[in-house]
């Protein structure tokens, strides 16, 4: 195996990374195409720092003081 050769997630060499097995010339990708699903699965799980949600949990501190009649909202 060459030093910069592409491999699957299990380490098997990949000779063609740009083609997929399809049902016919313009047909859908077939489920037996392990290399495609291995490639797309890794891509889907890739962590992109710009896309990471920066949400943080927070709590409310203090107290609530009702200053007007709110019975009509009940």
C-alpha atoms as a PDB file:
ATOM      1  CA  UNK A   1       0.000   0.000   0.000  1.00  0.00           C
ATOM      2  CA  UNK A   2       1.260   3.483  -0.862  1.00  0.00           C
ATOM      3  CA  UNK A   3       1.673   6.114   1.899  1.00  0.00           C
ATOM      4  CA  UNK A   4      -1.079   8.477   0.636  1.00  0.00           C
ATOM      5  CA  UNK A   5      -3.524   5.868  -0.642  1.00  0.00           C
ATOM      6  CA  UNK A   6      -7.189   6.271   0.265  1.00  0.00           C
ATOM      7  CA  UNK A   7      -8.668   3.547   2.444  1.00  0.00           C
ATOM      8  CA  UNK A   8     -12.052   2.627   3.865  1.00  0.00           C
ATOM      9  CA  UNK A   9     -12.763   3.008   7.571  1.00  0.00           C
ATOM     10  CA  UNK A  10     -11.510  -0.568   8.001  1.00  0.00           C
ATOM     11  CA  UNK A  11      -8.211   0.095   6.202  1.00  0.00           C
ATOM     12  CA  UNK A  12      -8.938  -1.551   2.845  1.00  0.00           C
ATOM     13  CA  UNK A  13      -7.435   0.339  -0.129  1.00  0.00           C
ATOM     14  CA  UNK A  14      -9.838   2.275  -2.374  1.00  0.00           C
ATOM     15  CA  UNK A  15      -8.988   2.476  -6.063  1.00  0.00           C
ATOM     16  CA  UNK A  16     -11.830   4.797  -7.174  1.00  0.00           C
ATOM     17  CA  UNK A  17     -13.314   7.313  -4.731  1.00  0.00           C
ATOM     18  CA  UNK A  18     -15.466   9.234  -7.222  1.00  0.00           C
ATOM     19  CA  UNK A  19     -17.784   6.551  -8.625  1.00  0.00           C
ATOM     20  CA  UNK A  20     -20.765   4.752  -7.126  1.00  0.00           C
ATOM     21  CA  UNK A  21     -22.543   1.521  -8.001  1.00  0.00           C
ATOM     22  CA  UNK A  22     -25.920   2.348  -9.544  1.00  0.00           C
ATOM     23  CA  UNK A  23     -28.890   0.431 -10.894  1.00  0.00           C
ATOM     24  CA  UNK A  24     -28.428   1.337 -14.543  1.00  0.00           C
ATOM     25  CA  UNK A  25     -26.665   4.297 -16.126  1.00  0.00           C
ATOM     26  CA  UNK A  26     -28.808   6.960 -14.447  1.00  0.00           C
ATOM     27  CA  UNK A  27     -30.349   4.808 -11.743  1.00  0.00           C
ATOM     28  CA  UNK A  28     -30.225   5.159  -7.958  1.00  0.00           C
ATOM     29  CA  UNK A  29     -27.185   4.165  -5.893  1.00  0.00           C
ATOM     30  CA  UNK A  30     -27.603   0.583  -4.769  1.00  0.00           C
ATOM     31  CA  UNK A  31     -27.292  -0.435  -1.146  1.00  0.00           C
ATOM     32  CA  UNK A  32     -24.453  -2.908  -1.882  1.00  0.00           C
ATOM     33  CA  UNK A  33     -22.089   0.016  -2.559  1.00  0.00           C
ATOM     34  CA  UNK A  34     -20.204  -0.267   0.741  1.00  0.00           C
ATOM     35  CA  UNK A  35     -17.543   2.272  -0.222  1.00  0.00           C
ATOM     36  CA  UNK A  36     -20.143   4.976  -0.880  1.00  0.00           C
ATOM     37  CA  UNK A  37     -21.982   4.398   2.397  1.00  0.00           C
ATOM     38  CA  UNK A  38     -18.685   4.242   4.302  1.00  0.00           C
ATOM     39  CA  UNK A  39     -17.588   7.543   2.733  1.00  0.00           C
ATOM     40  CA  UNK A  40     -20.914   9.329   3.231  1.00  0.00           C
ATOM     41  CA  UNK A  41     -21.246   8.014   6.807  1.00  0.00           C
ATOM     42  CA  UNK A  42     -17.869   9.459   7.755  1.00  0.00           C
ATOM     43  CA  UNK A  43     -18.752  12.739   6.052  1.00  0.00           C
ATOM     44  CA  UNK A  44     -22.083  12.976   7.900  1.00  0.00           C
ATOM     45  CA  UNK A  45     -20.402  12.460  11.265  1.00  0.00           C
ATOM     46  CA  UNK A  46     -17.561  14.894  10.625  1.00  0.00           C
ATOM     47  CA  UNK A  47     -17.360  17.673  13.198  1.00  0.00           C
ATOM     48  CA  UNK A  48     -17.141  21.087  11.559  1.00  0.00           C
ATOM     49  CA  UNK A  49     -16.186  23.743  14.149  1.00  0.00           C
ATOM     50  CA  UNK A  50     -18.106  26.529  12.368  1.00  0.00           C
ATOM     51  CA  UNK A  51     -21.286  24.445  12.555  1.00  0.00           C
ATOM     52  CA  UNK A  52     -21.088  23.507  16.214  1.00  0.00           C
ATOM     53  CA  UNK A  53     -23.954  24.951  18.197  1.00  0.00           C
ATOM     54  CA  UNK A  54     -22.732  27.353  20.837  1.00  0.00           C
ATOM     55  CA  UNK A  55     -25.766  27.027  23.067  1.00  0.00           C
ATOM     56  CA  UNK A  56     -25.140  27.029  26.770  1.00  0.00           C
ATOM     57  CA  UNK A  57     -27.482  26.124  29.571  1.00  0.00           C
ATOM     58  CA  UNK A  58     -28.499  28.937  31.853  1.00  0.00           C
ATOM     59  CA  UNK A  59     -30.758  29.535  34.784  1.00  0.00           C
ATOM     60  CA  UNK A  60     -32.823  32.400  36.068  1.00  0.00           C
ATOM     61  CA  UNK A  61     -31.806  34.077  39.285  1.00  0.00           C
ATOM     62  CA  UNK A  62     -33.908  36.495  41.267  1.00  0.00           C
ATOM     63  CA  UNK A  63     -37.613  36.681  41.954  1.00  0.00           C
ATOM     64  CA  UNK A  64     -40.870  37.509  40.164  1.00  0.00           C
ATOM     65  CA  UNK A  65     -42.989  40.393  41.395  1.00  0.00           C
ATOM     66  CA  UNK A  66     -46.503  40.796  39.933  1.00  0.00           C
ATOM     67  CA  UNK A  67     -47.478  44.479  39.951  1.00  0.00           C
ATOM     68  CA  UNK A  68     -50.826  44.352  38.092  1.00  0.00           C
ATOM     69  CA  UNK A  69     -53.913  42.134  38.030  1.00  0.00           C
ATOM     70  CA  UNK A  70     -53.202  39.138  35.763  1.00  0.00           C
ATOM     71  CA  UNK A  71     -56.346  37.066  36.438  1.00  0.00           C
ATOM     72  CA  UNK A  72     -57.628  37.650  32.879  1.00  0.00           C
ATOM     73  CA  UNK A  73     -54.644  35.661  31.545  1.00  0.00           C
ATOM     74  CA  UNK A  74     -55.503  32.568  33.583  1.00  0.00           C
END
